[in-house]
Amino acid sequence: MPLYEYVCNACGCEFELLRRFSQADAPSECPQCQRQDARRLISRFAAISHGSDGSTTRVSGGSSCASCGSGSCAGCRG
């Protein structure tokens, strides 16, 4: 299942949800204020190409933490 990012229109809280593609735009509850007033954000992504010599090159998109192994970008937002 894809991981989607949301922002609550009521309190501004940003959070992530693991949801089916068909549920991506369904109403979701904010974990901070429990209101059903969140909208889905456009997520950034990265594409990385591996060369024949083992080197990696960023092809498009992403940020400096594109290869982060934490499983969540929540720690990158301060």
C-alpha atoms as a PDB file:
ATOM      1  CA  MET A   1       0.000   0.000   0.000  1.00  0.00           C
ATOM      2  CA  PRO A   2       1.223   3.528  -0.755  1.00  0.00           C
ATOM      3  CA  LEU A   3       2.106   6.029   1.944  1.00  0.00           C
ATOM      4  CA  TYR A   4       0.262   9.347   1.521  1.00  0.00           C
ATOM      5  CA  GLU A   5       0.934  12.695   3.187  1.00  0.00           C
ATOM      6  CA  TYR A   6      -1.892  14.870   4.538  1.00  0.00           C
ATOM      7  CA  VAL A   7      -2.277  18.261   6.206  1.00  0.00           C
ATOM      8  CA  CYS A   8      -5.125  19.175   8.520  1.00  0.00           C
ATOM      9  CA  ASN A   9      -6.909  22.333   7.401  1.00  0.00           C
ATOM     10  CA  ALA A  10      -8.045  22.986  10.981  1.00  0.00           C
ATOM     11  CA  CYS A  11      -4.754  22.820  12.926  1.00  0.00           C
ATOM     12  CA  GLY A  12      -2.009  22.535  10.271  1.00  0.00           C
ATOM     13  CA  CYS A  13      -0.729  19.169  11.489  1.00  0.00           C
ATOM     14  CA  GLU A  14       1.095  17.183   8.768  1.00  0.00           C
ATOM     15  CA  PHE A  15       0.819  13.399   8.974  1.00  0.00           C
ATOM     16  CA  GLU A  16       1.176  10.265   6.877  1.00  0.00           C
ATOM     17  CA  LEU A  17      -1.233   7.386   6.287  1.00  0.00           C
ATOM     18  CA  LEU A  18      -0.700   4.008   4.681  1.00  0.00           C
ATOM     19  CA  ARG A  19      -3.806   3.567   2.524  1.00  0.00           C
ATOM     20  CA  ARG A  20      -5.074   1.782  -0.538  1.00  0.00           C
ATOM     21  CA  PHE A  21      -4.925   3.811  -3.756  1.00  0.00           C
ATOM     22  CA  SER A  22      -8.734   3.845  -3.892  1.00  0.00           C
ATOM     23  CA  GLN A  23      -8.844   5.415  -0.389  1.00  0.00           C
ATOM     24  CA  ALA A  24      -6.213   8.134  -0.987  1.00  0.00           C
ATOM     25  CA  ASP A  25      -8.713  10.998  -1.145  1.00  0.00           C
ATOM     26  CA  ALA A  26     -11.220   9.616   1.373  1.00  0.00           C
ATOM     27  CA  PRO A  27     -11.784  11.699   4.529  1.00  0.00           C
ATOM     28  CA  SER A  28      -9.149  11.126   7.171  1.00  0.00           C
ATOM     29  CA  GLU A  29      -8.969  12.035  10.830  1.00  0.00           C
ATOM     30  CA  CYS A  30      -6.203  14.322  12.049  1.00  0.00           C
ATOM     31  CA  PRO A  31      -4.169  12.566  14.779  1.00  0.00           C
ATOM     32  CA  GLN A  32      -3.717  15.872  16.620  1.00  0.00           C
ATOM     33  CA  CYS A  33      -7.196  17.456  16.698  1.00  0.00           C
ATOM     34  CA  GLN A  34      -9.327  14.469  15.538  1.00  0.00           C
ATOM     35  CA  ARG A  35     -11.192  16.576  12.955  1.00  0.00           C
ATOM     36  CA  GLN A  36     -12.068  15.144   9.543  1.00  0.00           C
ATOM     37  CA  ASP A  37     -10.639  18.200   7.785  1.00  0.00           C
ATOM     38  CA  ALA A  38      -7.425  16.952   6.163  1.00  0.00           C
ATOM     39  CA  ARG A  39      -6.329  17.172   2.543  1.00  0.00           C
ATOM     40  CA  ARG A  40      -3.784  15.071   0.712  1.00  0.00           C
ATOM     41  CA  LEU A  41      -0.469  16.707  -0.133  1.00  0.00           C
ATOM     42  CA  ILE A  42       1.525  16.135  -3.291  1.00  0.00           C
ATOM     43  CA  SER A  43       4.446  13.997  -2.189  1.00  0.00           C
ATOM     44  CA  ARG A  44       7.979  14.434  -3.457  1.00  0.00           C
ATOM     45  CA  PHE A  45       9.732  11.413  -4.818  1.00  0.00           C
ATOM     46  CA  ALA A  46      13.141  10.466  -6.129  1.00  0.00           C
ATOM     47  CA  ALA A  47      14.297   8.239  -8.943  1.00  0.00           C
ATOM     48  CA  ILE A  48      17.798   6.838  -8.687  1.00  0.00           C
ATOM     49  CA  SER A  49      19.731   5.102 -11.444  1.00  0.00           C
ATOM     50  CA  HIS A  50      22.472   2.552 -10.774  1.00  0.00           C
ATOM     51  CA  GLY A  51      25.387   2.631 -13.222  1.00  0.00           C
ATOM     52  CA  SER A  52      27.285  -0.416 -14.429  1.00  0.00           C
ATOM     53  CA  ASP A  53      30.196   0.621 -12.187  1.00  0.00           C
ATOM     54  CA  GLY A  54      27.959   0.547  -9.095  1.00  0.00           C
ATOM     55  CA  SER A  55      27.605   4.330  -8.826  1.00  0.00           C
ATOM     56  CA  THR A  56      24.222   5.942  -8.197  1.00  0.00           C
ATOM     57  CA  THR A  57      22.807   9.039  -9.861  1.00  0.00           C
ATOM     58  CA  ARG A  58      19.650  10.954  -8.998  1.00  0.00           C
ATOM     59  CA  VAL A  59      17.475  11.019 -12.109  1.00  0.00           C
ATOM     60  CA  SER A  60      14.639  13.287 -10.935  1.00  0.00           C
ATOM     61  CA  GLY A  61      12.747  14.727  -7.994  1.00  0.00           C
ATOM     62  CA  GLY A  62      13.458  14.049  -4.381  1.00  0.00           C
ATOM     63  CA  SER A  63      15.350  15.915  -1.752  1.00  0.00           C
ATOM     64  CA  SER A  64      18.576  15.480   0.137  1.00  0.00           C
ATOM     65  CA  CYS A  65      16.994  12.675   2.167  1.00  0.00           C
ATOM     66  CA  ALA A  66      15.743  10.703  -0.862  1.00  0.00           C
ATOM     67  CA  SER A  67      17.711   7.655   0.208  1.00  0.00           C
ATOM     68  CA  CYS A  68      16.745   7.885   3.882  1.00  0.00           C
ATOM     69  CA  GLY A  69      16.169   4.481   5.413  1.00  0.00           C
ATOM     70  CA  SER A  70      13.997   5.580   8.327  1.00  0.00           C
ATOM     71  CA  GLY A  71      10.729   4.670   6.599  1.00  0.00           C
ATOM     72  CA  SER A  72       9.124   7.991   7.512  1.00  0.00           C
ATOM     73  CA  CYS A  73       9.848  11.612   6.679  1.00  0.00           C
ATOM     74  CA  ALA A  74       8.243  12.730   9.946  1.00  0.00           C
ATOM     75  CA  GLY A  75      11.698  12.975  11.559  1.00  0.00           C
ATOM     76  CA  CYS A  76      12.937  15.320   8.831  1.00  0.00           C
ATOM     77  CA  ARG A  77      10.246  17.920   9.466  1.00  0.00           C
ATOM     78  CA  GLY A  78      11.110  20.206  12.293  1.00  0.00           C
END
